């Protein structure tokens, strides 16, 4: 199992969360995971789409109290 990282994208609007996720993941090793928190409802569409197109794996996604949480494993 790889290293675990966290990224806070609260308050950012589309496309900024995906841009930040992409930038952060470019510095990670394959197998590392990234936990992301967003407040933009479009993240529920944009983040899973990015994960699939970038050949990563979406380990989990959840909505909790107006926040959208994702755990992504780098492919």
N, C-alpha and C. Protein backbone atom coordinates (compact mmCIF):
# COMPACT_ATOMS: atom_id res chain seq x y z
N UNK A 1 0.84 -1.17 0.00
CA UNK A 1 0.00 0.00 0.00
C UNK A 1 0.89 1.24 0.00
N UNK A 2 0.50 2.23 -0.78
CA UNK A 2 1.29 3.45 -0.91
C UNK A 2 1.00 4.47 0.17
N UNK A 3 1.61 5.62 0.01
CA UNK A 3 1.42 6.73 0.94
C UNK A 3 0.03 7.32 0.79
N UNK A 4 -0.43 8.00 1.84
CA UNK A 4 -1.74 8.64 1.82
C UNK A 4 -1.57 10.15 1.93
N UNK A 5 -2.28 10.87 1.07
CA UNK A 5 -2.22 12.33 1.05
C UNK A 5 -3.62 12.90 1.17
N UNK A 6 -3.71 14.18 1.55
CA UNK A 6 -5.00 14.86 1.66
C UNK A 6 -4.95 16.17 0.89
N UNK A 7 -6.11 16.55 0.32
CA UNK A 7 -6.21 17.79 -0.43
C UNK A 7 -7.55 18.44 -0.12
N UNK A 8 -7.51 19.68 0.32
CA UNK A 8 -8.71 20.44 0.67
C UNK A 8 -9.03 21.38 -0.49
N UNK A 9 -10.14 21.11 -1.17
CA UNK A 9 -10.59 21.94 -2.29
C UNK A 9 -11.89 22.66 -1.96
N UNK A 10 -12.17 22.84 -0.67
CA UNK A 10 -13.39 23.53 -0.26
C UNK A 10 -13.37 24.97 -0.76
N UNK A 11 -14.51 25.42 -1.28
CA UNK A 11 -14.64 26.79 -1.76
C UNK A 11 -14.22 26.99 -3.20
N UNK A 12 -13.59 25.98 -3.81
CA UNK A 12 -13.16 26.10 -5.20
C UNK A 12 -14.29 25.67 -6.13
N UNK A 13 -14.44 26.39 -7.23
CA UNK A 13 -15.47 26.07 -8.23
C UNK A 13 -14.82 25.40 -9.44
N UNK A 14 -15.62 24.64 -10.16
CA UNK A 14 -15.21 23.95 -11.38
C UNK A 14 -14.52 24.94 -12.31
N UNK A 15 -13.39 24.60 -12.87
CA UNK A 15 -12.66 23.32 -12.87
C UNK A 15 -11.52 23.25 -11.86
N UNK A 16 -11.44 24.19 -10.94
CA UNK A 16 -10.29 24.25 -10.03
C UNK A 16 -10.04 22.98 -9.21
N UNK A 17 -11.07 22.31 -8.65
CA UNK A 17 -10.75 21.10 -7.90
C UNK A 17 -10.01 20.05 -8.73
N UNK A 18 -10.46 19.82 -9.96
CA UNK A 18 -9.80 18.82 -10.81
C UNK A 18 -8.39 19.27 -11.18
N UNK A 19 -8.21 20.54 -11.43
CA UNK A 19 -6.86 21.06 -11.75
C UNK A 19 -5.93 20.83 -10.57
N UNK A 20 -6.40 21.11 -9.37
CA UNK A 20 -5.56 20.90 -8.18
C UNK A 20 -5.28 19.42 -7.93
N UNK A 21 -6.30 18.59 -8.13
CA UNK A 21 -6.11 17.14 -7.96
C UNK A 21 -5.06 16.63 -8.95
N UNK A 22 -5.19 17.04 -10.20
CA UNK A 22 -4.25 16.59 -11.23
C UNK A 22 -2.82 17.02 -10.88
N UNK A 23 -2.66 18.26 -10.45
CA UNK A 23 -1.34 18.77 -10.09
C UNK A 23 -0.76 18.00 -8.91
N UNK A 24 -1.58 17.77 -7.90
CA UNK A 24 -1.11 17.05 -6.71
C UNK A 24 -0.74 15.61 -7.05
N UNK A 25 -1.57 14.96 -7.87
CA UNK A 25 -1.31 13.56 -8.21
C UNK A 25 -0.08 13.39 -9.09
N UNK A 26 0.29 14.42 -9.83
CA UNK A 26 1.48 14.32 -10.68
C UNK A 26 2.75 14.15 -9.85
N UNK A 27 2.70 14.52 -8.57
CA UNK A 27 3.85 14.41 -7.68
C UNK A 27 3.84 13.11 -6.87
N UNK A 28 2.77 12.33 -7.01
CA UNK A 28 2.60 11.11 -6.24
C UNK A 28 3.13 9.90 -7.01
N UNK A 29 3.37 8.82 -6.28
CA UNK A 29 3.81 7.56 -6.87
C UNK A 29 2.60 6.66 -7.13
N UNK A 30 2.74 5.76 -8.09
CA UNK A 30 1.68 4.78 -8.36
C UNK A 30 1.38 3.99 -7.10
N UNK A 31 0.08 3.85 -6.78
CA UNK A 31 -0.33 3.14 -5.58
C UNK A 31 -0.63 4.05 -4.40
N UNK A 32 -0.15 5.30 -4.45
CA UNK A 32 -0.46 6.28 -3.41
C UNK A 32 -1.94 6.64 -3.50
N UNK A 33 -2.52 7.10 -2.39
CA UNK A 33 -3.91 7.51 -2.41
C UNK A 33 -4.05 8.96 -1.97
N UNK A 34 -5.08 9.61 -2.48
CA UNK A 34 -5.34 11.01 -2.20
C UNK A 34 -6.78 11.15 -1.73
N UNK A 35 -6.97 11.70 -0.53
CA UNK A 35 -8.30 12.01 -0.01
C UNK A 35 -8.58 13.47 -0.32
N UNK A 36 -9.73 13.72 -0.96
CA UNK A 36 -10.07 15.07 -1.41
C UNK A 36 -11.43 15.46 -0.82
N UNK A 37 -11.53 16.72 -0.37
CA UNK A 37 -12.79 17.28 0.09
C UNK A 37 -13.11 18.49 -0.79
N UNK A 38 -14.32 18.50 -1.36
CA UNK A 38 -14.78 19.60 -2.22
C UNK A 38 -16.14 20.09 -1.71
N UNK A 39 -16.50 21.31 -2.09
CA UNK A 39 -17.84 21.82 -1.78
C UNK A 39 -18.63 22.12 -3.05
N UNK A 40 -18.01 22.05 -4.20
CA UNK A 40 -18.70 22.30 -5.47
C UNK A 40 -19.47 21.04 -5.88
N UNK A 41 -20.81 21.13 -6.04
CA UNK A 41 -21.59 19.95 -6.42
C UNK A 41 -21.15 19.31 -7.74
N UNK A 42 -20.58 20.09 -8.64
CA UNK A 42 -20.11 19.53 -9.91
C UNK A 42 -18.94 18.58 -9.74
N UNK A 43 -18.31 18.60 -8.58
CA UNK A 43 -17.21 17.67 -8.31
C UNK A 43 -17.67 16.22 -8.39
N UNK A 44 -18.93 15.97 -8.07
CA UNK A 44 -19.46 14.60 -8.13
C UNK A 44 -19.47 14.05 -9.55
N UNK A 45 -19.42 14.94 -10.54
CA UNK A 45 -19.33 14.54 -11.94
C UNK A 45 -17.89 14.64 -12.41
N UNK A 46 -17.25 15.78 -12.13
CA UNK A 46 -15.92 16.07 -12.66
C UNK A 46 -14.83 15.16 -12.12
N UNK A 47 -14.83 14.91 -10.82
CA UNK A 47 -13.74 14.12 -10.23
C UNK A 47 -13.77 12.67 -10.72
N UNK A 48 -14.92 11.97 -10.68
CA UNK A 48 -14.92 10.61 -11.22
C UNK A 48 -14.53 10.55 -12.71
N UNK A 49 -14.96 11.55 -13.47
CA UNK A 49 -14.58 11.58 -14.89
C UNK A 49 -13.07 11.72 -15.05
N UNK A 50 -12.46 12.62 -14.28
CA UNK A 50 -11.01 12.78 -14.33
C UNK A 50 -10.31 11.48 -13.96
N UNK A 51 -10.78 10.83 -12.90
CA UNK A 51 -10.15 9.59 -12.42
C UNK A 51 -10.12 8.53 -13.52
N UNK A 52 -11.25 8.35 -14.19
CA UNK A 52 -11.33 7.35 -15.26
C UNK A 52 -10.43 7.71 -16.43
N UNK A 53 -10.48 8.96 -16.88
CA UNK A 53 -9.69 9.36 -18.05
C UNK A 53 -8.19 9.38 -17.77
N UNK A 54 -7.80 9.53 -16.50
CA UNK A 54 -6.38 9.56 -16.15
C UNK A 54 -5.85 8.20 -15.70
N UNK A 55 -6.70 7.16 -15.81
CA UNK A 55 -6.32 5.78 -15.45
C UNK A 55 -5.95 5.63 -13.97
N UNK A 56 -6.68 6.34 -13.11
CA UNK A 56 -6.55 6.16 -11.68
C UNK A 56 -7.75 5.33 -11.21
N UNK A 57 -7.85 5.08 -9.90
CA UNK A 57 -8.97 4.30 -9.37
C UNK A 57 -9.67 5.11 -8.29
N UNK A 58 -11.00 5.23 -8.41
CA UNK A 58 -11.80 5.89 -7.39
C UNK A 58 -12.15 4.85 -6.33
N UNK A 59 -11.52 4.98 -5.16
CA UNK A 59 -11.74 4.01 -4.09
C UNK A 59 -13.04 4.28 -3.35
N UNK A 60 -13.41 5.56 -3.21
CA UNK A 60 -14.68 5.89 -2.57
C UNK A 60 -15.10 7.30 -2.92
N UNK A 61 -16.42 7.53 -2.84
CA UNK A 61 -16.96 8.88 -2.95
C UNK A 61 -18.16 8.95 -2.03
N UNK A 62 -18.33 10.11 -1.39
CA UNK A 62 -19.42 10.27 -0.43
C UNK A 62 -19.81 11.73 -0.34
N UNK A 63 -21.06 11.95 0.05
CA UNK A 63 -21.56 13.29 0.31
C UNK A 63 -21.89 13.37 1.79
N UNK A 64 -21.39 14.43 2.44
CA UNK A 64 -21.62 14.56 3.87
C UNK A 64 -21.69 16.04 4.24
N UNK A 65 -22.88 16.49 4.64
CA UNK A 65 -23.03 17.87 5.12
C UNK A 65 -22.61 18.94 4.13
N UNK A 66 -22.92 18.77 2.85
CA UNK A 66 -22.54 19.77 1.85
C UNK A 66 -21.11 19.64 1.35
N UNK A 67 -20.42 18.60 1.80
CA UNK A 67 -19.07 18.34 1.32
C UNK A 67 -19.06 17.04 0.52
N UNK A 68 -18.20 17.01 -0.47
CA UNK A 68 -18.06 15.85 -1.34
C UNK A 68 -16.66 15.30 -1.12
N UNK A 69 -16.60 14.05 -0.73
CA UNK A 69 -15.33 13.42 -0.37
C UNK A 69 -15.00 12.29 -1.33
N UNK A 70 -13.75 12.26 -1.73
CA UNK A 70 -13.26 11.24 -2.66
C UNK A 70 -11.95 10.67 -2.14
N UNK A 71 -11.73 9.40 -2.40
CA UNK A 71 -10.43 8.79 -2.19
C UNK A 71 -10.01 8.19 -3.53
N UNK A 72 -8.87 8.67 -4.03
CA UNK A 72 -8.38 8.30 -5.35
C UNK A 72 -7.03 7.61 -5.19
N UNK A 73 -6.87 6.48 -5.87
CA UNK A 73 -5.57 5.81 -5.89
C UNK A 73 -4.92 6.05 -7.24
N UNK A 74 -3.67 6.49 -7.19
CA UNK A 74 -2.96 6.77 -8.43
C UNK A 74 -2.65 5.47 -9.16
N UNK A 75 -2.93 5.46 -10.44
CA UNK A 75 -2.69 4.30 -11.29
C UNK A 75 -1.28 4.22 -11.79
